[in-house]
Every structure is written in C-alpha cells, then in structure tokens.
Amino acid sequence: SWLTAIRSSGTSFPSILRWISCFALAVNEENAAFGRVVTAPTNGAAGVIPAVLMYYVCFCDGTTWGIEEFLLTAGVIGMLFKKGATISAAMGGCQAEIGVSSAMAAAGLCQVLGGSVGQVLMAAEIAMEHHLGMTCDPVGGLVQVPCIERNAMGATKALTACYLALESDPAHARVPLDAVIRSMWATAQDMSSKYKETSEGGLAVLIPVSHPEC
C-alpha cells in the first residue's frame, strides 16, 4: 500500500523531512491548480495541517481516534486565533494564515503524542511566536510564490514546536498563548496594507512575472 511504501523509504530525519514537505507542497499545488482542498484555516495555508497529520499517520503509527483528536485540537486552537485575532492574510499578513495553521498543527500533534494541556498550548504558542510579523506578498497576486513553499516551512516549524513543548515544563513558559495571540493582532494592525495580500510590497514588487508563467 502507499503507507507501506512511504514507511519503507526510511525513517531518517532527511527522509521524514522530505515527506512532510512533499505532503504540504502537494496540497497547495492542488489549490494553485484550482483543485479542491479543505481550508485549514484558509486555502493558502491548507497544506500545513495535512502534512503534519500525515507525519503522525505514517511515522507515529497514528490511529483513527488519534486523527480525530488531532483535528479537534487543531480546530480549537484555530478558533482561539479567529476570535482573538484573525485568520485572514488580508487583515493580518501571512502570520494569520501560515502562522495560525502551524500553531494548529503543532497543538494537534502534541495532543496525540501525549502532551498535557499546558504542553499543547505551549506548542501552539511556540509555532506562532516564530511566525509573528510574516507578511503576505504573493508574486503576481497568485497564491503560489512564496505561498506554496511556506506551507512546507510551516509544517516543519510545527513539528519543532511540538517536540520543544513535549520536552518542556509549561509552568516555566515565558510567553502564554493568549499573549502571542494579542501580539499577533497588534502586529497585524500595525502592518502596512502593502503586506496584506495586496501584492503592493515585498516579493510581489521585486519578482517580475510574465504572462506565460501564469
């Protein structure tokens, strides 16, 4: 089966990293090709959660109940960001999309790997903390560059955040999740509209696009 084939390719760190990146890229290439994807929390960030979930299934002997628990946990974290800040790049830049999806994925994975509630929240916080300020500057106004690759990066950051949290004591955490959500929203409000999905700044104005490329 496909699962056996993936597992037989090896469980070295580079191999697992390649598969996680592959899963994330595949989802967002499907999105860029006008295919059907599940918003998680948006189409542009839809590859992060599936990539981390596939890591759990393929390399952590994931169960059906574990998949459900992963998604439920990720959904709760997503709701916190939606209520306390935003999940729209048009309002908050890419931190609101890739950042939130990475936080959701980190929390979901931490939960199914046996993390405590405090560690789950810490995993989400760590993931978002290292996406704060990320701009949304799609080249040509298309959800392709740098968006597709950012999903792979968001997925790998989610894994790192999860394992950092699992090895930590939440009682000693310096930054609570509530604070990082507030910080994200404050950053979003300060961010210029040029970096909020308008393609008026950043990479969008520095990388030329020809019609054949589109």
Protein backbone atom coordinates (compact mmCIF):
# COMPACT_ATOMS: atom_id res chain seq x y z
CA SER A 1 0.00 0.00 0.00
CA TRP A 2 1.02 3.65 -0.24
CA LEU A 3 1.52 3.76 3.53
CA THR A 4 3.89 0.79 3.44
CA ALA A 5 5.76 2.35 0.53
CA ILE A 6 6.27 5.61 2.43
CA ARG A 7 7.43 3.84 5.58
CA SER A 8 9.80 1.60 3.63
CA SER A 9 11.54 4.66 2.19
CA GLY A 10 13.25 5.10 5.53
CA THR A 11 12.74 6.94 8.80
CA SER A 12 15.88 9.04 8.83
CA PHE A 13 15.43 12.71 9.59
CA PRO A 14 16.11 13.84 5.98
CA SER A 15 13.65 11.25 4.65
CA ILE A 16 10.88 12.29 7.03
CA LEU A 17 11.55 15.95 6.32
CA ARG A 18 11.24 15.33 2.59
CA TRP A 19 7.93 13.54 3.02
CA ILE A 20 6.48 16.29 5.23
CA SER A 21 7.49 18.90 2.66
CA CYS A 22 6.07 16.75 -0.13
CA PHE A 23 2.70 16.42 1.62
CA ALA A 24 2.46 20.17 2.20
CA LEU A 25 3.52 21.10 -1.33
CA ALA A 26 1.07 18.61 -2.86
CA VAL A 27 -1.93 20.15 -1.14
CA ASN A 28 -1.03 23.68 -2.12
CA GLU A 29 -0.17 22.80 -5.68
CA GLU A 30 -3.66 21.32 -5.87
CA ASN A 31 -5.02 24.60 -4.52
CA ALA A 32 -3.00 26.62 -7.03
CA ALA A 33 -4.38 24.43 -9.82
CA PHE A 34 -7.96 25.28 -8.74
CA GLY A 35 -8.49 21.85 -7.22
CA ARG A 36 -10.49 21.07 -4.11
CA VAL A 37 -8.82 21.49 -0.73
CA VAL A 38 -10.02 21.87 2.86
CA THR A 39 -9.44 25.31 4.37
CA ALA A 40 -7.15 24.86 7.35
CA PRO A 41 -7.66 27.63 8.31
CA THR A 42 -7.50 29.05 4.75
CA ASN A 43 -6.84 27.70 1.26
CA GLY A 44 -3.44 29.37 1.09
CA ALA A 45 -2.36 27.63 4.30
CA ALA A 46 -4.20 24.36 3.66
CA GLY A 47 -1.07 22.22 3.35
CA VAL A 48 0.37 22.57 6.85
CA ILE A 49 -2.15 20.56 8.89
CA PRO A 50 -2.42 17.67 6.37
CA ALA A 51 1.38 17.44 6.20
CA VAL A 52 1.77 17.19 9.97
CA LEU A 53 -1.21 14.84 10.20
CA MET A 54 0.38 12.59 7.58
CA TYR A 55 3.58 12.62 9.63
CA TYR A 56 1.55 11.31 12.57
CA VAL A 57 -0.13 8.63 10.45
CA CYS A 58 2.97 7.47 8.60
CA PHE A 59 5.69 7.74 11.21
CA CYS A 60 3.92 7.67 14.59
CA ASP A 61 1.54 4.73 13.95
CA GLY A 62 -1.43 7.06 14.00
CA THR A 63 -4.88 5.70 14.82
CA THR A 64 -8.32 6.71 13.59
CA TRP A 65 -9.16 8.13 17.01
CA GLY A 66 -5.82 9.93 17.04
CA ILE A 67 -6.64 11.58 13.72
CA GLU A 68 -9.96 12.80 15.12
CA GLU A 69 -8.28 14.06 18.29
CA PHE A 70 -5.60 15.82 16.24
CA LEU A 71 -8.17 17.64 14.13
CA LEU A 72 -10.40 18.55 17.07
CA THR A 73 -7.44 20.01 18.95
CA ALA A 74 -6.24 21.91 15.90
CA GLY A 75 -9.75 23.28 15.40
CA VAL A 76 -9.94 24.60 18.96
CA ILE A 77 -6.64 26.42 18.55
CA GLY A 78 -7.84 27.87 15.25
CA MET A 79 -10.96 29.20 16.95
CA LEU A 80 -8.87 30.97 19.57
CA PHE A 81 -6.94 32.80 16.86
CA LYS A 82 -10.10 33.61 14.91
CA LYS A 83 -11.82 35.05 17.99
CA GLY A 84 -8.75 36.80 19.43
CA ALA A 85 -7.07 37.99 16.25
CA THR A 86 -7.68 36.93 12.64
CA ILE A 87 -7.08 34.06 10.22
CA SER A 88 -7.14 36.33 7.17
CA ALA A 89 -3.96 37.43 5.41
CA ALA A 90 -5.89 40.42 4.12
CA MET A 91 -6.21 41.54 7.74
CA GLY A 92 -3.03 40.25 9.32
CA GLY A 93 -0.50 39.17 6.73
CA CYS A 94 0.81 35.64 6.37
CA GLN A 95 1.23 35.26 10.13
CA ALA A 96 -2.56 34.94 10.17
CA GLU A 97 -2.55 32.05 7.73
CA ILE A 98 0.68 30.03 7.78
CA GLY A 99 1.33 31.13 11.36
CA VAL A 100 -2.09 30.03 12.57
CA SER A 101 -2.03 26.77 10.61
CA SER A 102 1.40 25.96 12.06
CA ALA A 103 0.11 26.64 15.57
CA MET A 104 -2.94 24.47 14.94
CA ALA A 105 -0.82 21.61 13.60
CA ALA A 106 1.70 21.84 16.44
CA ALA A 107 -1.07 21.65 19.02
CA GLY A 108 -2.80 18.75 17.28
CA LEU A 109 0.40 16.72 17.08
CA CYS A 110 1.35 17.49 20.66
CA GLN A 111 -2.06 16.27 21.83
CA VAL A 112 -1.86 12.90 20.06
CA LEU A 113 1.74 12.34 21.16
CA GLY A 114 0.66 12.52 24.78
CA GLY A 115 1.22 16.16 25.65
CA SER A 116 -0.56 17.76 28.59
CA VAL A 117 -2.99 20.62 28.07
CA GLY A 118 -0.24 23.04 29.03
CA GLN A 119 2.17 21.49 26.55
CA VAL A 120 -0.44 21.60 23.79
CA LEU A 121 -0.98 25.31 24.35
CA MET A 122 2.78 25.81 24.55
CA ALA A 123 3.26 24.05 21.21
CA ALA A 124 0.75 26.39 19.57
CA GLU A 125 2.42 29.41 21.15
CA ILE A 126 5.91 28.41 20.03
CA ALA A 127 4.76 27.84 16.47
CA MET A 128 3.03 31.22 16.22
CA GLU A 129 5.77 33.10 18.05
CA HIS A 130 8.16 32.32 15.22
CA HIS A 131 5.75 33.48 12.53
CA LEU A 132 4.96 36.87 14.07
CA GLY A 133 5.28 39.67 11.55
CA MET A 134 5.28 37.44 8.48
CA THR A 135 3.95 39.37 5.52
CA CYS A 136 1.63 38.28 2.73
CA ASP A 137 3.21 39.41 -0.55
CA PRO A 138 2.19 36.91 -3.26
CA VAL A 139 4.04 37.36 -6.53
CA GLY A 140 1.61 38.30 -9.28
CA GLY A 141 -1.25 38.21 -6.80
CA LEU A 142 -1.30 34.41 -7.10
CA VAL A 143 -1.28 32.01 -4.16
CA GLN A 144 1.87 30.33 -5.46
CA VAL A 145 5.12 32.17 -4.68
CA PRO A 146 6.07 32.17 -1.83
CA CYS A 147 2.85 30.62 -0.56
CA ILE A 148 3.31 27.00 -1.64
CA GLU A 149 6.78 26.63 -0.11
CA ARG A 150 5.67 28.44 3.03
CA ASN A 151 3.33 25.55 3.76
CA ALA A 152 6.28 23.18 3.88
CA MET A 153 8.13 25.56 6.19
CA GLY A 154 5.06 25.99 8.40
CA ALA A 155 4.74 22.21 8.73
CA THR A 156 8.36 21.71 9.77
CA LYS A 157 8.10 24.56 12.27
CA ALA A 158 5.01 22.87 13.71
CA LEU A 159 6.97 19.67 14.33
CA THR A 160 9.77 21.58 16.02
CA ALA A 161 7.30 23.48 18.19
CA CYS A 162 5.57 20.26 19.19
CA TYR A 163 8.72 18.48 20.28
CA LEU A 164 10.06 21.55 22.08
CA ALA A 165 6.82 21.69 24.06
CA LEU A 166 6.89 17.96 24.84
CA GLU A 167 10.36 18.35 26.33
CA SER A 168 9.39 21.44 28.36
CA ASP A 169 7.55 22.28 31.54
CA PRO A 170 4.71 24.69 30.66
CA ALA A 171 4.94 26.14 34.17
CA HIS A 172 8.22 27.73 33.13
CA ALA A 173 6.94 29.13 29.82
CA ARG A 174 7.74 32.82 29.46
CA VAL A 175 5.08 33.55 26.82
CA PRO A 176 1.49 32.27 27.18
CA LEU A 177 -0.64 31.55 24.13
CA ASP A 178 -3.04 34.40 24.97
CA ALA A 179 -0.13 36.86 24.85
CA VAL A 180 1.09 35.67 21.47
CA ILE A 181 -2.44 35.94 20.07
CA ARG A 182 -2.68 39.53 21.33
CA SER A 183 0.76 40.27 19.93
CA MET A 184 -0.20 38.83 16.57
CA TRP A 185 -3.29 41.04 16.39
CA ALA A 186 -1.35 44.15 17.44
CA THR A 187 1.26 43.37 14.77
CA ALA A 188 -1.49 42.89 12.21
CA GLN A 189 -2.95 46.30 12.98
CA ASP A 190 0.46 47.96 12.67
CA MET A 191 1.31 46.19 9.41
CA SER A 192 1.12 48.23 6.21
CA SER A 193 -1.59 47.25 3.75
CA LYS A 194 1.22 46.64 1.24
CA TYR A 195 1.92 43.41 3.09
CA LYS A 196 -1.65 42.20 3.46
CA GLU A 197 -2.41 40.23 0.30
CA THR A 198 -2.44 43.31 -1.94
CA SER A 199 0.79 42.43 -3.80
CA GLU A 200 1.90 46.06 -3.44
CA GLY A 201 5.10 45.37 -1.48
CA GLY A 202 7.78 42.83 -0.66
CA LEU A 203 8.46 39.99 -3.07
CA ALA A 204 5.38 40.90 -5.08
CA VAL A 205 7.03 44.05 -6.45
CA LEU A 206 10.57 42.67 -6.70
CA ILE A 207 9.95 39.49 -8.67
CA PRO A 208 8.84 40.08 -12.28
CA VAL A 209 6.07 37.88 -13.65
CA SER A 210 5.47 37.26 -17.34
CA HIS A 211 2.12 36.15 -18.71
CA PRO A 212 3.38 32.73 -19.90
CA GLU A 213 4.32 31.89 -16.30
CA CYS A 214 0.71 32.32 -15.28
